[in-house]
Amino acid sequence: MAYRLNSKIRDLKPYEPVTGRYPIRLDANESFRRPTEEILEKIRNAAASAAFNRYPDPYAEELCAAFADYYGVDRSNVTAGNGSDELISVILGAFIMNGDPVMTLSPDFSMYRFYGYLNEAKCLEYPKNPDFSVDPDELIASVRGSGVRALVFSNPCNPTGRGLTREEVRKLVGSVDALVVLDEAYMDFWDQSLIREAEQYDNLILLRTCSKMFGMAALRLGFAVANPALTAAIRAVKSPYNVNACSQKIGSVVLRERDWIRSGLAEIQASQKELFTMLKSLEARHPSQIHVYDSVTNFTLIGAAGSRRVFEGLMKAGIVVRYMGDYLRITAGTPEENMELIRRLEAVL
């Protein structure tokens, strides 16, 4: 008798990003910066010092200390993960029972709903307003009225680029009984973080990543910050050796390069401002073809008439952006990449 996949995974499709060689990649919200040669030398030395024949530190103590020192939080309340994706999966798997209602926002990062589904949660979606804004009071009422066990969302939001203020999130977390998983992957580009307050709440787990502003997407480094009880629970259920030794060593090096990080943030924000300004000018010239949404991140979402055609036209020109139905999400690149993107985008509108 042949083995049959269960119904939960039978129709799932593997994630398939755009592959191939394209001169300009603006589709994954990665940093366009590379470490200096001096930092690369420190990275090589750190990687070479790893004990390759031994399992890595199960709690990534050095790495978590560097992260905690950078953000000014208590190291004992930090858990490292193999990217934030792993932590989302671990958290939902640990805190959610079969059939528990979990609420996500729409639109938002698709992996929240995916991991909720895999963990057999009852997935509920809270629809955002047509301009992608969220009324915090209405969201609070929806969470309370639905009896959800967990609310998971990104702030600022991927893919819209909009966000709730610190005070709005404080009110939300303090007004619901549900566990709030707050993904601040893009908060390095904004100033409304709750990271230094996370341990004050008994129902908040805050996530951060090194894949965006820090430019370490290849290392797959994510972090959870929470109070001691929630932190202990996460550590109890995560895999013992979930972050490899090289990622731990290299991440520790980069997180201590304050001057490089500071200059990089300024460079990325300048690029994003330049890209947004050029997109708004393009919108003014072609108001019926595109609409540009405000953003506090390192990317911009645009609505585009014939978005599939525009996406494919850009690909033919060697530029990849993220196709999202009626919308395109565009990461800030180098000044040269931004200029070429605008030139090619106007040509295919």
Protein backbone atom coordinates (compact mmCIF):
# COMPACT_ATOMS: atom_id res chain seq x y z
CA MET A 1 0.00 0.00 0.00
CA ALA A 2 1.46 3.36 -1.08
CA TYR A 3 2.14 6.06 1.50
CA ARG A 4 -0.09 9.11 1.15
CA LEU A 5 0.66 12.62 2.30
CA ASN A 6 -1.81 14.01 4.81
CA SER A 7 -4.28 16.64 3.65
CA LYS A 8 -2.48 19.40 5.56
CA ILE A 9 0.59 19.30 3.32
CA ARG A 10 -0.64 17.51 0.20
CA ASP A 11 -1.32 20.69 -1.79
CA LEU A 12 1.41 22.93 -0.36
CA LYS A 13 3.90 24.34 -2.86
CA PRO A 14 7.56 25.04 -2.00
CA TYR A 15 8.56 28.68 -1.76
CA GLU A 16 10.06 29.60 -5.11
CA PRO A 17 11.81 32.97 -5.28
CA VAL A 18 12.92 34.34 -8.62
CA THR A 19 16.09 32.48 -9.60
CA GLY A 20 18.72 33.24 -12.20
CA ARG A 21 21.24 35.99 -12.66
CA TYR A 22 19.82 39.49 -12.72
CA PRO A 23 22.07 42.56 -12.48
CA ILE A 24 19.68 44.35 -10.12
CA ARG A 25 17.85 42.53 -7.29
CA LEU A 26 15.32 44.71 -5.47
CA ASP A 27 12.89 41.98 -4.46
CA ALA A 28 13.90 40.71 -0.99
CA ASN A 29 14.43 43.87 1.11
CA GLU A 30 18.08 42.98 1.61
CA SER A 31 20.83 45.51 2.23
CA PHE A 32 22.89 46.58 -0.78
CA ARG A 33 25.97 47.12 1.41
CA ARG A 34 28.91 44.79 1.95
CA PRO A 35 31.28 44.86 4.92
CA THR A 36 34.53 46.77 4.59
CA GLU A 37 37.72 44.81 3.95
CA GLU A 38 38.71 45.38 7.58
CA ILE A 39 35.45 43.87 8.82
CA LEU A 40 35.73 41.01 6.31
CA GLU A 41 39.14 40.16 7.76
CA LYS A 42 37.60 40.03 11.25
CA ILE A 43 34.84 37.82 9.86
CA ARG A 44 37.34 35.42 8.29
CA ASN A 45 39.26 35.17 11.55
CA ALA A 46 36.08 34.63 13.54
CA ALA A 47 34.82 31.89 11.21
CA ALA A 48 38.23 30.18 11.28
CA SER A 49 38.08 30.09 15.09
CA ALA A 50 34.90 27.99 15.10
CA ALA A 51 35.29 24.45 16.42
CA PHE A 52 33.91 22.69 13.34
CA ASN A 53 34.03 19.26 14.98
CA ARG A 54 31.84 20.41 17.89
CA TYR A 55 28.20 21.36 18.15
CA PRO A 56 27.66 25.10 18.49
CA ASP A 57 26.72 26.87 21.72
CA PRO A 58 23.03 25.91 22.16
CA TYR A 59 22.16 29.32 23.60
CA ALA A 60 24.45 31.42 21.38
CA GLU A 61 25.66 33.29 24.45
CA GLU A 62 28.27 35.49 22.74
CA LEU A 63 25.91 36.36 19.89
CA CYS A 64 23.00 37.17 22.20
CA ALA A 65 25.30 39.30 24.36
CA ALA A 66 26.37 41.32 21.31
CA PHE A 67 22.73 41.75 20.27
CA ALA A 68 21.66 42.75 23.79
CA ASP A 69 24.53 45.19 24.09
CA TYR A 70 23.64 46.85 20.78
CA TYR A 71 19.97 47.32 21.67
CA GLY A 72 20.41 47.95 25.40
CA VAL A 73 18.35 45.00 26.61
CA ASP A 74 18.94 42.26 29.18
CA ARG A 75 20.89 39.43 27.55
CA SER A 76 19.00 36.85 29.64
CA ASN A 77 15.77 37.82 27.85
CA VAL A 78 17.17 37.21 24.34
CA THR A 79 16.86 33.97 22.34
CA ALA A 80 18.66 33.48 19.02
CA GLY A 81 17.08 31.64 16.11
CA ASN A 82 17.97 30.38 12.66
CA GLY A 83 16.30 33.44 11.20
CA SER A 84 13.08 34.95 12.52
CA ASP A 85 11.16 32.38 10.48
CA GLU A 86 12.36 29.60 12.77
CA LEU A 87 11.32 31.58 15.84
CA ILE A 88 7.85 32.24 14.41
CA SER A 89 7.43 28.51 13.79
CA VAL A 90 8.76 27.59 17.25
CA ILE A 91 6.57 30.13 19.02
CA LEU A 92 3.37 29.14 17.26
CA GLY A 93 4.18 25.46 17.71
CA ALA A 94 4.78 25.92 21.43
CA PHE A 95 2.09 28.37 22.46
CA ILE A 96 -0.76 27.28 20.20
CA MET A 97 -2.81 24.11 20.56
CA ASN A 98 -4.66 22.33 17.77
CA GLY A 99 -7.64 24.46 16.76
CA ASP A 100 -6.66 27.56 18.76
CA PRO A 101 -7.61 30.79 16.97
CA VAL A 102 -4.64 32.85 15.77
CA MET A 103 -5.09 36.28 14.22
CA THR A 104 -2.90 37.84 11.56
CA LEU A 105 -3.41 41.07 9.63
CA SER A 106 -4.07 41.34 5.92
CA PRO A 107 -1.92 42.17 4.12
CA ASP A 108 1.14 41.17 6.15
CA PHE A 109 4.09 38.78 6.04
CA SER A 110 2.67 35.53 4.66
CA MET A 111 4.72 33.20 6.88
CA TYR A 112 2.66 34.02 9.99
CA ARG A 113 -0.42 32.42 8.49
CA PHE A 114 1.65 29.61 6.95
CA TYR A 115 3.12 28.53 10.29
CA GLY A 116 -0.25 28.93 11.97
CA TYR A 117 -1.73 26.60 9.38
CA LEU A 118 1.06 24.03 9.79
CA ASN A 119 0.46 24.04 13.54
CA GLU A 120 -3.25 23.44 12.89
CA ALA A 121 -4.41 26.73 14.34
CA LYS A 122 -7.68 28.32 13.34
CA CYS A 123 -6.29 31.20 11.30
CA LEU A 124 -8.24 34.45 11.35
CA GLU A 125 -7.39 37.53 9.31
CA TYR A 126 -8.03 41.12 10.31
CA PRO A 127 -8.42 43.20 7.12
CA LYS A 128 -6.61 46.52 6.98
CA ASN A 129 -8.21 49.66 5.59
CA PRO A 130 -7.97 50.34 1.82
CA ASP A 131 -4.96 52.60 2.46
CA PHE A 132 -3.37 49.79 4.54
CA SER A 133 -3.79 51.70 7.81
CA VAL A 134 -4.95 49.97 11.00
CA ASP A 135 -7.26 51.43 13.64
CA PRO A 136 -5.77 50.15 16.93
CA ASP A 137 -9.09 50.36 18.79
CA GLU A 138 -10.88 48.34 16.13
CA LEU A 139 -8.08 45.76 16.14
CA ILE A 140 -8.28 45.49 19.95
CA ALA A 141 -12.04 44.97 19.72
CA SER A 142 -11.57 42.28 17.07
CA VAL A 143 -8.97 40.41 19.15
CA ARG A 144 -11.16 40.53 22.22
CA GLY A 145 -14.30 39.52 20.34
CA SER A 146 -12.66 36.62 18.55
CA GLY A 147 -11.10 35.02 21.61
CA VAL A 148 -7.79 34.56 19.80
CA ARG A 149 -4.87 32.94 21.59
CA ALA A 150 -2.23 34.83 19.62
CA LEU A 151 -1.96 37.94 17.46
CA VAL A 152 1.00 37.97 15.07
CA PHE A 153 1.94 40.98 12.95
CA SER A 154 4.86 42.99 11.60
CA ASN A 155 5.51 46.58 12.62
CA PRO A 156 6.45 48.31 10.40
CA CYS A 157 4.50 46.13 8.02
CA ASN A 158 5.94 44.02 5.25
CA PRO A 159 4.72 44.55 2.52
CA THR A 160 2.97 47.92 3.01
CA GLY A 161 5.76 49.88 4.71
CA ARG A 162 3.32 51.45 7.17
CA GLY A 163 3.45 51.10 10.94
CA LEU A 164 1.73 51.65 14.25
CA THR A 165 3.32 54.09 16.65
CA ARG A 166 4.94 52.97 19.87
CA GLU A 167 2.03 54.31 21.89
CA GLU A 168 -0.51 52.50 19.69
CA VAL A 169 1.32 49.19 20.13
CA ARG A 170 1.61 49.73 23.88
CA LYS A 171 -2.14 50.22 24.05
CA LEU A 172 -2.76 47.12 21.93
CA VAL A 173 -0.50 44.82 23.95
CA GLY A 174 -1.87 46.10 27.25
CA SER A 175 -5.51 45.76 26.17
CA VAL A 176 -5.67 42.11 25.09
CA ASP A 177 -5.25 38.77 26.85
CA ALA A 178 -3.78 37.12 23.76
CA LEU A 179 -0.07 36.50 23.22
CA VAL A 180 1.21 39.26 20.91
CA VAL A 181 4.07 38.29 18.60
CA LEU A 182 5.44 41.59 17.34
CA ASP A 183 7.82 41.28 14.39
CA GLU A 184 10.03 44.38 14.26
CA ALA A 185 12.14 43.19 11.33
CA TYR A 186 12.11 46.68 9.78
CA MET A 187 12.08 48.78 12.96
CA ASP A 188 15.78 49.63 12.56
CA PHE A 189 14.60 52.07 9.90
CA TRP A 190 12.03 53.73 12.20
CA ASP A 191 12.06 55.02 15.78
CA GLN A 192 8.96 53.43 17.29
CA SER A 193 10.38 50.22 18.78
CA LEU A 194 9.21 48.51 21.96
CA ILE A 195 12.36 46.41 22.26
CA ARG A 196 13.51 47.99 25.53
CA GLU A 197 10.05 47.52 27.03
CA ALA A 198 9.36 43.95 25.93
CA GLU A 199 10.24 42.36 29.28
CA GLN A 200 7.65 44.53 31.03
CA TYR A 201 4.74 42.67 29.40
CA ASP A 202 3.56 39.16 30.23
CA ASN A 203 2.05 38.63 26.76
CA LEU A 204 4.61 40.08 24.34
CA ILE A 205 7.31 38.39 22.28
CA LEU A 206 9.26 40.81 20.10
CA LEU A 207 11.22 39.59 17.07
CA ARG A 208 14.24 41.15 15.36
CA THR A 209 16.41 40.11 12.42
CA CYS A 210 19.90 40.68 11.07
CA SER A 211 18.75 40.22 7.46
CA LYS A 212 17.69 43.79 6.71
CA MET A 213 19.57 46.80 8.10
CA PHE A 214 22.56 44.74 9.30
CA GLY A 215 23.08 43.14 5.89
CA MET A 216 23.50 39.58 7.18
CA ALA A 217 20.70 37.79 5.32
CA ALA A 218 23.03 34.92 4.36
CA LEU A 219 23.67 34.08 8.03
CA ARG A 220 19.99 33.53 8.96
CA LEU A 221 19.99 35.26 12.34
CA GLY A 222 16.83 36.19 14.20
CA PHE A 223 16.15 37.07 17.82
CA ALA A 224 13.23 36.92 20.24
CA VAL A 225 13.05 39.33 23.18
CA ALA A 226 10.53 38.67 25.96
CA ASN A 227 10.08 38.46 29.72
CA PRO A 228 11.87 35.65 31.62
CA ALA A 229 8.89 33.27 31.65
CA LEU A 230 8.25 33.53 27.91
CA THR A 231 11.97 33.36 27.16
CA ALA A 232 12.32 30.16 29.20
CA ALA A 233 9.40 28.64 27.30
CA ILE A 234 10.93 29.46 23.92
CA ARG A 235 14.29 28.00 24.93
CA ALA A 236 12.60 24.87 26.21
CA VAL A 237 11.04 24.05 22.85
CA LYS A 238 13.59 25.27 20.31
CA SER A 239 16.09 22.88 18.75
CA PRO A 240 19.21 22.51 20.93
CA TYR A 241 21.77 23.66 18.34
CA ASN A 242 19.63 25.83 16.11
CA VAL A 243 22.18 28.53 15.16
CA ASN A 244 25.35 27.27 13.52
CA ALA A 245 28.77 28.19 14.89
CA CYS A 246 29.87 30.30 11.93
CA SER A 247 26.72 32.42 12.03
CA GLN A 248 27.20 32.92 15.76
CA LYS A 249 30.81 33.98 15.35
CA ILE A 250 30.25 36.27 12.37
CA GLY A 251 27.09 37.81 13.80
CA SER A 252 28.94 38.67 16.99
CA VAL A 253 31.61 40.47 14.98
CA VAL A 254 29.20 42.52 12.86
CA LEU A 255 26.94 43.52 15.76
CA ARG A 256 29.92 45.16 17.45
CA GLU A 257 30.86 47.29 14.42
CA ARG A 258 28.89 50.32 15.59
CA ASP A 259 30.40 52.90 13.22
CA TRP A 260 29.81 50.70 10.16
CA ILE A 261 26.25 49.96 11.27
CA ARG A 262 25.54 53.64 11.90
CA SER A 263 26.89 54.75 8.53
CA GLY A 264 25.05 51.92 6.81
CA LEU A 265 21.73 52.87 8.29
CA ALA A 266 22.18 56.46 7.11
CA GLU A 267 23.15 55.22 3.64
CA ILE A 268 20.13 52.93 3.33
CA GLN A 269 17.74 55.61 4.59
CA ALA A 270 19.18 58.11 2.11
CA SER A 271 18.68 55.58 -0.69
CA GLN A 272 15.11 54.91 0.39
CA LYS A 273 14.34 58.64 0.49
CA GLU A 274 15.83 59.07 -2.98
CA LEU A 275 13.89 56.10 -4.37
CA PHE A 276 10.62 57.26 -2.83
CA THR A 277 11.07 60.78 -4.21
CA MET A 278 11.74 59.45 -7.71
CA LEU A 279 8.74 57.11 -7.51
CA LYS A 280 6.50 59.99 -6.43
CA SER A 281 7.73 62.03 -9.39
CA LEU A 282 6.97 59.09 -11.65
CA GLU A 283 3.49 58.88 -10.12
CA ALA A 284 2.95 62.59 -10.86
CA ARG A 285 3.84 61.96 -14.51
CA HIS A 286 1.71 58.81 -14.76
CA PRO A 287 -1.10 59.21 -12.18
CA SER A 288 -3.33 56.63 -13.83
CA GLN A 289 -0.58 54.02 -14.00
CA ILE A 290 0.94 53.85 -10.53
CA HIS A 291 0.20 54.79 -6.93
CA VAL A 292 3.05 55.09 -4.42
CA TYR A 293 2.45 54.29 -0.74
CA ASP A 294 4.28 55.97 2.12
CA SER A 295 6.92 53.87 3.85
CA VAL A 296 9.06 53.99 6.99
CA THR A 297 11.18 51.02 5.88
CA ASN A 298 13.83 50.25 3.25
CA PHE A 299 11.26 49.46 0.57
CA THR A 300 8.29 51.06 -1.18
CA LEU A 301 5.02 49.47 -2.23
CA ILE A 302 3.40 50.68 -5.42
CA GLY A 303 0.10 49.86 -7.03
CA ALA A 304 0.62 49.45 -10.77
CA ALA A 305 -1.83 49.10 -13.63
CA GLY A 306 -0.93 45.89 -15.44
CA SER A 307 1.38 44.94 -12.60
CA ARG A 308 2.24 41.52 -14.06
CA ARG A 309 3.22 43.09 -17.36
CA VAL A 310 5.32 45.69 -15.54
CA PHE A 311 6.99 43.02 -13.40
CA GLU A 312 7.88 40.92 -16.42
CA GLY A 313 9.07 43.98 -18.35
CA LEU A 314 11.47 44.85 -15.54
CA MET A 315 12.74 41.28 -15.45
CA LYS A 316 13.49 41.42 -19.17
CA ALA A 317 15.53 44.53 -18.42
CA GLY A 318 17.48 42.65 -15.74
CA ILE A 319 15.66 44.07 -12.70
CA VAL A 320 13.76 41.94 -10.17
CA VAL A 321 11.19 43.44 -7.81
CA ARG A 322 8.59 41.59 -5.74
CA TYR A 323 5.35 40.85 -7.57
CA MET A 324 2.34 40.94 -5.23
CA GLY A 325 -0.79 40.75 -7.37
CA ASP A 326 -1.89 44.32 -8.11
CA TYR A 327 1.19 45.65 -6.34
CA LEU A 328 4.96 45.68 -6.65
CA ARG A 329 7.31 45.96 -3.68
CA ILE A 330 10.63 47.64 -4.45
CA THR A 331 13.68 47.55 -2.19
CA ALA A 332 15.95 50.58 -2.01
CA GLY A 333 19.19 49.85 -3.84
CA THR A 334 22.34 51.73 -4.65
CA PRO A 335 21.87 55.16 -6.27
CA GLU A 336 22.76 53.61 -9.62
CA GLU A 337 20.25 50.78 -9.15
CA ASN A 338 17.52 53.22 -8.14
CA MET A 339 18.10 55.36 -11.22
CA GLU A 340 18.05 52.36 -13.55
CA LEU A 341 14.90 51.05 -11.88
CA ILE A 342 13.10 54.35 -12.45
CA ARG A 343 14.27 54.56 -16.05
CA ARG A 344 13.14 51.03 -16.85
CA LEU A 345 9.92 51.32 -14.86
CA GLU A 346 8.83 54.40 -16.79
CA ALA A 347 9.59 52.63 -20.04
CA VAL A 348 7.30 49.69 -19.27
CA LEU A 349 4.36 51.58 -17.73
